[in-house]
Amino acid sequence: MNPETLFCPNINCMAKGHRNAGNLVVHSQSEKRMRCTVCNKTFTATKGTVFYRLRTDPHVVVRVLTLLAYGCPLPAIVKAFELDARTVKQWWARAGVHCEAVHQHVVGESELDLEQVQADEIRVKTQGGVVWMALAMMVSTRLWLGGAVSPQRNIALIQALVNQIRAVALCRPLLLAVDGLSSYVKAFQRAFCSALPQTGKQGRPRKMPWSDVAIVQVIKRHSADGLEIERRIVQGCAQQIARLRQRSQQATGVANTAYIERLNATVRGRLAWLSRRSRTPARQVATLRAGMFIFGCVYNLCDTHHSLRDRIAVGRFGQRWVYRTPAQAAGLVDHVWTVDELLRFRVPPPRWKPTYKNGRPSKEFLALVKKWA
């Protein structure tokens, strides 16, 4: 229990979210409780993690969630660990909320030169009907950018996914490769645009799509002669698309959605609820949403990829390969996380914002602003 790695979780504390600021002391070693000297509140070291107020051994929880994240069915885990199914489902839901916060902190608040993004949807059968899961990934680093779950495959589902892409995208040349669903074009053009200057007329200002954004649709049709593929350029030109593909994939060829389709296959293999002929389908949309974020965080932070390895020189002994995760390749983290580290990661709250009153602020108040704001 190291106070330097923790921070005060009190939302009303000026020191909230600050690590290694010297404001934390050990309150109880046996109970693993810390005390903040600024707000004088105590909190347990597991506050903000999956293990907060859990009586089960954390090693058992990590093993169970790891097996679920890698495709082990729920009945097998219940039988092997002699647990109640409701307990395991509660752990799964708690881990889903935690991983969603971690994904928002690590990926959602970043700014990346995406270069090329591919998006697609997965049709999931549940006990209550069909549910759609939309996913997107950054091709050059294989980084999972986000996803959305909805009972309908409509513009609201696609717009929720596109908004997550837009939140992390820098204003750089970008290639967007999707399937033939028309909602993608409308959602992308709505998100990747800028408002024109005001002309003095009434009404909202006109918006202009970004000229450096290219959109291509890869439409697949099955016929008696086999599979027919049509590549439709919606925005941009062929030279721009070829240049962006060469930059992001380091290869020539034609536009495709092979990377996101491979990710879809990985998702189906990792989550037992997404199997095409599963005997244990999901009953609630919340279960699929939790699984999507758990898979995404494990995929981004814990799984190394053969295509992302780096070759480094080791003196006179030659060279060796260093394997990286998608988050490492994107520059978001500096090492490979373990599942236990993922579940124990504490997302810091927003920093304290001072409230200024009328009149000149005192020197003590300015000192607090300089230290904690």
Protein backbone atom coordinates (compact mmCIF):
# COMPACT_ATOMS: atom_id res chain seq x y z
CA MET A 1 0.00 0.00 0.00
CA ASN A 2 1.99 2.94 -1.33
CA PRO A 3 0.46 6.41 -0.75
CA GLU A 4 2.46 7.81 -3.67
CA THR A 5 0.44 5.76 -6.17
CA LEU A 6 -2.97 6.72 -4.74
CA PHE A 7 -5.04 9.91 -4.76
CA CYS A 8 -7.91 11.31 -2.75
CA PRO A 9 -11.27 10.23 -4.26
CA ASN A 10 -13.33 12.80 -2.33
CA ILE A 11 -15.13 14.83 -4.99
CA ASN A 12 -15.20 17.91 -2.71
CA CYS A 13 -11.48 17.81 -1.90
CA MET A 14 -9.05 20.28 -3.50
CA ALA A 15 -6.42 17.54 -3.78
CA LYS A 16 -8.64 15.05 -5.63
CA GLY A 17 -6.93 13.25 -8.49
CA HIS A 18 -3.39 14.32 -7.49
CA ARG A 19 -0.89 11.47 -7.14
CA ASN A 20 2.30 11.75 -5.12
CA ALA A 21 1.30 15.18 -3.79
CA GLY A 22 2.21 14.45 -0.17
CA ASN A 23 -1.36 14.77 1.09
CA LEU A 24 -1.97 11.08 1.87
CA VAL A 25 -0.93 9.22 5.00
CA VAL A 26 -1.63 5.68 6.22
CA HIS A 27 -4.69 5.69 8.49
CA SER A 28 -4.92 1.92 9.19
CA GLN A 29 -2.42 -0.61 7.92
CA SER A 30 -4.58 -3.63 8.83
CA GLU A 31 -7.69 -2.24 7.12
CA LYS A 32 -5.65 -0.70 4.26
CA ARG A 33 -7.17 2.72 4.74
CA MET A 34 -5.62 6.05 3.80
CA ARG A 35 -6.32 9.57 5.06
CA CYS A 36 -6.14 12.81 3.13
CA THR A 37 -4.60 15.65 5.12
CA VAL A 38 -6.39 18.27 3.02
CA CYS A 39 -10.01 17.19 3.55
CA ASN A 40 -9.28 14.87 6.52
CA LYS A 41 -11.36 12.08 4.96
CA THR A 42 -10.38 8.40 5.02
CA PHE A 43 -10.82 5.89 2.23
CA THR A 44 -9.82 2.32 1.48
CA ALA A 45 -7.06 1.50 -1.00
CA THR A 46 -9.52 -0.42 -3.21
CA LYS A 47 -11.81 2.58 -3.66
CA GLY A 48 -12.40 3.07 -7.39
CA THR A 49 -11.43 -0.48 -8.38
CA VAL A 50 -13.45 -3.60 -9.17
CA PHE A 51 -12.55 -5.07 -5.77
CA TYR A 52 -14.14 -2.31 -3.69
CA ARG A 53 -16.25 -3.89 -0.90
CA LEU A 54 -15.85 -7.41 -2.30
CA ARG A 55 -15.31 -10.19 0.23
CA THR A 56 -14.05 -12.74 -2.27
CA ASP A 57 -10.32 -13.24 -2.74
CA PRO A 58 -9.20 -10.79 -5.47
CA HIS A 59 -7.17 -13.53 -7.16
CA VAL A 60 -10.36 -15.55 -7.69
CA VAL A 61 -12.16 -12.52 -9.12
CA VAL A 62 -9.28 -11.85 -11.53
CA ARG A 63 -9.24 -15.45 -12.73
CA VAL A 64 -13.00 -15.54 -13.25
CA LEU A 65 -13.09 -12.28 -15.18
CA THR A 66 -10.06 -13.29 -17.26
CA LEU A 67 -11.74 -16.56 -18.25
CA LEU A 68 -14.94 -14.73 -19.16
CA ALA A 69 -12.99 -12.17 -21.20
CA TYR A 70 -11.35 -14.96 -23.20
CA GLY A 71 -14.50 -16.88 -24.11
CA CYS A 72 -15.12 -19.31 -21.25
CA PRO A 73 -18.89 -19.92 -20.83
CA LEU A 74 -20.54 -18.86 -17.60
CA PRO A 75 -21.83 -22.36 -16.62
CA ALA A 76 -18.29 -23.76 -16.78
CA ILE A 77 -16.96 -21.05 -14.46
CA VAL A 78 -19.84 -21.56 -12.02
CA LYS A 79 -19.12 -25.29 -11.94
CA ALA A 80 -15.33 -25.00 -11.66
CA PHE A 81 -15.17 -22.32 -8.97
CA GLU A 82 -18.37 -23.36 -7.14
CA LEU A 83 -19.82 -19.87 -7.35
CA ASP A 84 -23.33 -18.56 -7.73
CA ALA A 85 -24.19 -17.41 -11.26
CA ARG A 86 -25.66 -14.17 -9.91
CA THR A 87 -22.37 -13.38 -8.17
CA VAL A 88 -20.39 -13.87 -11.37
CA LYS A 89 -22.85 -11.71 -13.31
CA GLN A 90 -22.50 -8.99 -10.69
CA TRP A 91 -18.70 -9.09 -11.06
CA TRP A 92 -19.09 -8.92 -14.84
CA ALA A 93 -21.35 -5.87 -14.65
CA ARG A 94 -19.03 -4.14 -12.20
CA ALA A 95 -16.00 -4.87 -14.41
CA GLY A 96 -17.88 -3.51 -17.42
CA VAL A 97 -18.55 -0.18 -15.72
CA HIS A 98 -14.93 0.00 -14.56
CA CYS A 99 -13.50 -0.83 -18.01
CA GLU A 100 -15.76 1.75 -19.64
CA ALA A 101 -14.29 4.41 -17.34
CA VAL A 102 -10.75 3.18 -18.04
CA HIS A 103 -11.36 3.24 -21.80
CA GLN A 104 -12.72 6.76 -21.60
CA HIS A 105 -9.69 7.87 -19.58
CA VAL A 106 -7.00 6.17 -21.69
CA VAL A 107 -8.49 6.32 -25.21
CA GLY A 108 -11.48 8.66 -25.06
CA GLU A 109 -9.50 11.61 -23.71
CA SER A 110 -6.56 11.19 -26.10
CA GLU A 111 -5.85 13.02 -29.36
CA LEU A 112 -4.60 10.78 -32.17
CA ASP A 113 -3.69 11.06 -35.81
CA LEU A 114 -5.94 8.17 -36.84
CA GLU A 115 -4.88 8.00 -40.52
CA GLN A 116 -7.38 5.22 -41.31
CA VAL A 117 -10.43 4.03 -39.39
CA GLN A 118 -12.61 1.04 -40.21
CA ALA A 119 -16.07 0.50 -38.72
CA ASP A 120 -18.59 -2.33 -38.87
CA GLU A 121 -21.52 -3.86 -36.99
CA ILE A 122 -22.07 -7.28 -35.41
CA ARG A 123 -25.47 -8.92 -35.37
CA VAL A 124 -25.97 -10.59 -31.99
CA LYS A 125 -28.75 -13.00 -31.11
CA THR A 126 -30.12 -12.71 -27.59
CA GLN A 127 -33.01 -14.32 -25.77
CA GLY A 128 -35.02 -11.16 -26.29
CA GLY A 129 -34.25 -10.72 -29.98
CA VAL A 130 -31.51 -9.33 -32.20
CA VAL A 131 -29.09 -6.68 -30.88
CA TRP A 132 -26.54 -4.75 -32.96
CA MET A 133 -23.01 -3.95 -31.78
CA ALA A 134 -21.07 -1.32 -33.77
CA LEU A 135 -17.26 -1.23 -33.45
CA ALA A 136 -14.45 0.93 -34.83
CA MET A 137 -10.68 0.55 -34.89
CA MET A 138 -7.57 2.50 -35.87
CA VAL A 139 -5.88 0.43 -38.58
CA SER A 140 -2.24 1.46 -38.14
CA THR A 141 -2.09 0.55 -34.43
CA ARG A 142 -5.04 -1.93 -34.27
CA LEU A 143 -6.44 0.25 -31.48
CA TRP A 144 -10.10 -0.32 -30.63
CA LEU A 145 -11.60 3.17 -30.57
CA GLY A 146 -15.01 2.42 -29.13
CA GLY A 147 -18.38 0.88 -29.74
CA ALA A 148 -22.11 1.17 -29.24
CA VAL A 149 -24.91 -1.33 -28.60
CA SER A 150 -28.52 -0.90 -29.66
CA PRO A 151 -31.55 -3.08 -30.45
CA GLN A 152 -31.93 -1.24 -33.78
CA ARG A 153 -29.42 -0.80 -36.58
CA ASN A 154 -30.26 2.82 -37.20
CA ILE A 155 -28.66 6.25 -37.43
CA ALA A 156 -28.63 6.64 -33.64
CA LEU A 157 -26.38 3.58 -33.26
CA ILE A 158 -23.98 4.73 -35.98
CA GLN A 159 -23.92 8.33 -34.74
CA ALA A 160 -23.01 7.18 -31.22
CA LEU A 161 -20.06 5.26 -32.68
CA VAL A 162 -18.96 8.10 -34.96
CA ASN A 163 -19.03 10.60 -32.09
CA GLN A 164 -16.51 8.46 -30.23
CA ILE A 165 -14.23 8.45 -33.28
CA ARG A 166 -14.55 12.20 -33.68
CA ALA A 167 -13.70 12.78 -30.00
CA VAL A 168 -10.17 11.35 -30.39
CA ALA A 169 -9.45 12.39 -34.00
CA LEU A 170 -7.07 15.23 -34.73
CA CYS A 171 -7.69 17.48 -37.72
CA ARG A 172 -5.46 15.43 -40.01
CA PRO A 173 -5.97 13.56 -43.31
CA LEU A 174 -8.23 10.61 -42.53
CA LEU A 175 -9.60 7.62 -44.43
CA LEU A 176 -12.90 6.11 -43.26
CA ALA A 177 -13.69 2.64 -44.61
CA VAL A 178 -17.15 1.20 -43.89
CA ASP A 179 -19.70 -1.16 -45.41
CA GLY A 180 -22.69 -0.23 -47.54
CA LEU A 181 -24.89 1.07 -44.71
CA SER A 182 -26.00 4.56 -45.74
CA SER A 183 -26.15 5.81 -42.14
CA TYR A 184 -22.35 5.91 -42.00
CA VAL A 185 -22.09 8.58 -44.68
CA LYS A 186 -24.60 10.85 -42.98
CA ALA A 187 -23.06 10.34 -39.54
CA PHE A 188 -19.49 10.96 -40.74
CA GLN A 189 -20.41 14.07 -42.68
CA ARG A 190 -22.33 15.37 -39.70
CA ALA A 191 -19.42 14.80 -37.29
CA PHE A 192 -16.40 15.70 -39.45
CA CYS A 193 -17.38 19.21 -40.50
CA SER A 194 -16.78 22.81 -39.46
CA ALA A 195 -19.20 25.71 -39.18
CA LEU A 196 -18.68 28.52 -41.66
CA PRO A 197 -18.34 32.11 -40.40
CA GLN A 198 -21.51 34.00 -39.59
CA THR A 199 -22.92 36.02 -42.50
CA GLY A 200 -25.34 38.13 -40.49
CA LYS A 201 -28.38 36.16 -41.60
CA GLN A 202 -30.76 34.42 -39.25
CA GLY A 203 -30.52 30.70 -38.57
CA ARG A 204 -27.68 28.34 -37.88
CA PRO A 205 -24.47 28.77 -39.88
CA ARG A 206 -23.72 26.42 -42.75
CA LYS A 207 -21.30 23.58 -42.20
CA MET A 208 -18.54 22.47 -44.55
CA PRO A 209 -17.20 18.88 -44.55
CA TRP A 210 -13.48 18.48 -43.95
CA SER A 211 -11.66 18.29 -47.27
CA ASP A 212 -8.94 15.97 -45.90
CA VAL A 213 -11.47 13.27 -44.92
CA ALA A 214 -12.08 10.50 -47.46
CA ILE A 215 -14.98 8.06 -47.14
CA VAL A 216 -15.11 4.79 -49.04
CA GLN A 217 -17.81 2.11 -48.86
CA VAL A 218 -16.96 -1.54 -49.47
CA ILE A 219 -20.20 -3.24 -50.54
CA LYS A 220 -20.29 -7.04 -50.75
CA ARG A 221 -23.00 -8.95 -52.63
CA HIS A 222 -23.44 -12.69 -52.86
CA SER A 223 -24.63 -13.99 -56.22
CA ALA A 224 -24.69 -17.23 -58.20
CA ASP A 225 -21.30 -16.38 -59.67
CA GLY A 226 -19.73 -15.85 -56.24
CA LEU A 227 -18.91 -12.82 -54.14
CA GLU A 228 -19.05 -9.43 -55.82
CA ILE A 229 -17.29 -6.47 -54.17
CA GLU A 230 -18.04 -2.87 -55.08
CA ARG A 231 -15.89 -0.04 -53.78
CA ARG A 232 -17.74 3.24 -53.78
CA ILE A 233 -15.89 6.51 -53.11
CA VAL A 234 -18.32 8.80 -51.31
CA GLN A 235 -15.92 11.60 -50.43
CA GLY A 236 -12.38 12.29 -51.59
CA CYS A 237 -10.52 10.92 -54.62
CA ALA A 238 -8.73 7.70 -55.53
CA GLN A 239 -5.26 9.25 -55.19
CA GLN A 240 -6.05 10.51 -51.69
CA ILE A 241 -7.39 7.11 -50.61
CA ALA A 242 -4.33 5.29 -52.01
CA ARG A 243 -2.00 7.70 -50.21
CA LEU A 244 -3.77 7.25 -46.88
CA ARG A 245 -3.83 3.45 -47.27
CA GLN A 246 -0.12 3.40 -48.02
CA ARG A 247 0.55 5.52 -44.96
CA SER A 248 -1.59 3.55 -42.50
CA GLN A 249 -1.17 -0.03 -43.80
CA GLN A 250 2.28 0.19 -45.42
CA ALA A 251 0.87 -1.69 -48.40
CA THR A 252 -0.65 -1.05 -51.78
CA GLY A 253 -3.90 -2.46 -53.09
CA VAL A 254 -7.55 -1.58 -52.86
CA ALA A 255 -9.72 -0.26 -50.05
CA ASN A 256 -11.14 -2.93 -47.75
CA THR A 257 -12.64 -3.57 -44.33
CA ALA A 258 -10.52 -6.63 -43.55
CA TYR A 259 -9.13 -5.29 -40.26
CA ILE A 260 -12.47 -4.54 -38.63
CA GLU A 261 -13.88 -7.86 -39.87
CA ARG A 262 -10.95 -9.63 -38.24
CA LEU A 263 -11.71 -7.72 -35.04
CA ASN A 264 -15.35 -8.84 -35.26
CA ALA A 265 -14.20 -12.45 -35.43
CA THR A 266 -11.99 -11.89 -32.39
CA VAL A 267 -14.91 -10.43 -30.45
CA ARG A 268 -17.10 -13.42 -31.25
CA GLY A 269 -14.35 -15.78 -30.16
CA ARG A 270 -13.68 -13.90 -26.92
CA LEU A 271 -17.23 -13.40 -25.67
CA ALA A 272 -19.27 -16.56 -25.24
CA TRP A 273 -22.53 -14.62 -25.55
CA LEU A 274 -21.63 -13.62 -29.12
CA SER A 275 -21.17 -17.15 -30.48
CA ARG A 276 -23.39 -17.80 -33.47
CA ARG A 277 -24.82 -21.01 -32.00
CA SER A 278 -24.44 -20.45 -28.28
CA ARG A 279 -26.48 -22.26 -25.64
CA THR A 280 -25.98 -19.34 -23.28
CA PRO A 281 -27.05 -16.18 -25.15
CA ALA A 282 -27.20 -12.86 -23.36
CA ARG A 283 -30.48 -11.78 -21.82
CA GLN A 284 -29.82 -8.07 -21.39
CA VAL A 285 -28.20 -5.37 -23.48
CA ALA A 286 -26.21 -4.29 -20.42
CA THR A 287 -24.42 -7.66 -20.44
CA LEU A 288 -23.26 -7.12 -24.03
CA ARG A 289 -22.22 -3.55 -23.32
CA ALA A 290 -20.16 -4.65 -20.32
CA GLY A 291 -18.56 -7.41 -22.40
CA MET A 292 -17.73 -4.98 -25.19
CA PHE A 293 -15.77 -2.66 -22.89
CA ILE A 294 -14.07 -5.51 -21.01
CA PHE A 295 -12.94 -7.02 -24.30
CA GLY A 296 -11.86 -3.62 -25.63
CA CYS A 297 -9.69 -2.80 -22.62
CA VAL A 298 -8.10 -6.25 -22.53
CA TYR A 299 -7.52 -6.09 -26.28
CA ASN A 300 -6.00 -2.59 -26.17
CA LEU A 301 -3.96 -2.82 -22.97
CA CYS A 302 -3.21 -6.48 -22.22
CA ASP A 303 -2.90 -8.33 -25.55
CA THR A 304 0.25 -8.05 -27.65
CA HIS A 305 -0.02 -8.28 -31.44
CA HIS A 306 2.44 -9.96 -33.75
CA SER A 307 2.02 -7.25 -36.40
CA LEU A 308 2.90 -4.50 -33.89
CA ARG A 309 6.24 -5.93 -32.74
CA ASP A 310 9.38 -3.78 -32.86
CA ARG A 311 12.86 -4.97 -33.70
CA ILE A 312 15.59 -3.54 -31.50
CA ALA A 313 19.35 -4.02 -31.52
CA VAL A 314 21.01 -5.73 -28.54
CA GLY A 315 24.68 -4.84 -28.98
CA ARG A 316 26.83 -7.57 -30.43
CA PHE A 317 24.16 -10.19 -29.77
CA GLY A 318 22.16 -9.02 -32.79
CA GLN A 319 18.48 -8.14 -32.65
CA ARG A 320 15.37 -9.21 -30.86
CA TRP A 321 11.64 -8.52 -31.11
CA VAL A 322 9.64 -6.53 -28.58
CA TYR A 323 5.91 -7.19 -28.69
CA ARG A 324 3.50 -4.32 -28.11
CA THR A 325 -0.19 -3.80 -27.42
CA PRO A 326 -2.36 -1.46 -29.52
CA ALA A 327 -2.28 1.12 -26.72
CA GLN A 328 1.53 0.97 -26.70
CA ALA A 329 1.68 1.37 -30.47
CA ALA A 330 -0.57 4.43 -30.22
CA GLY A 331 1.63 5.95 -27.49
CA LEU A 332 -1.07 5.85 -24.79
CA VAL A 333 0.76 3.58 -22.30
CA ASP A 334 4.38 2.56 -21.81
CA HIS A 335 4.09 -1.14 -20.90
CA VAL A 336 1.89 -4.22 -21.27
CA TRP A 337 -0.82 -4.27 -18.64
CA THR A 338 -2.03 -7.35 -16.83
CA VAL A 339 -5.71 -8.05 -16.24
CA ASP A 340 -5.13 -7.56 -12.52
CA GLU A 341 -3.57 -4.15 -13.20
CA LEU A 342 -6.51 -3.23 -15.42
CA LEU A 343 -9.06 -4.11 -12.75
CA ARG A 344 -7.07 -2.25 -10.06
CA PHE A 345 -6.52 0.91 -12.10
CA ARG A 346 -8.13 3.92 -10.43
CA VAL A 347 -9.48 6.55 -12.79
CA PRO A 348 -8.73 9.98 -11.29
CA PRO A 349 -11.65 12.39 -10.90
CA PRO A 350 -11.60 15.83 -12.56
CA ARG A 351 -9.23 18.32 -10.97
CA TRP A 352 -10.54 20.89 -8.52
CA LYS A 353 -11.81 24.10 -10.10
CA PRO A 354 -11.74 27.15 -7.83
CA THR A 355 -14.75 29.42 -7.50
CA TYR A 356 -13.80 33.07 -7.75
CA LYS A 357 -15.80 35.67 -5.85
CA ASN A 358 -16.05 39.41 -6.27
CA GLY A 359 -13.03 41.33 -5.15
CA ARG A 360 -9.32 40.63 -5.11
CA PRO A 361 -8.44 37.05 -4.10
CA SER A 362 -6.19 36.55 -1.09
CA LYS A 363 -2.65 35.24 -1.28
CA GLU A 364 -3.68 32.06 0.52
CA PHE A 365 -6.39 31.40 -2.07
CA LEU A 366 -3.97 32.03 -4.96
CA ALA A 367 -1.50 29.61 -3.35
CA LEU A 368 -4.19 26.93 -3.20
CA VAL A 369 -5.10 27.55 -6.83
CA LYS A 370 -1.47 27.26 -7.90
CA LYS A 371 -1.01 24.00 -5.97
CA TRP A 372 -4.24 22.10 -6.61
CA ALA A 373 -5.99 23.55 -9.65
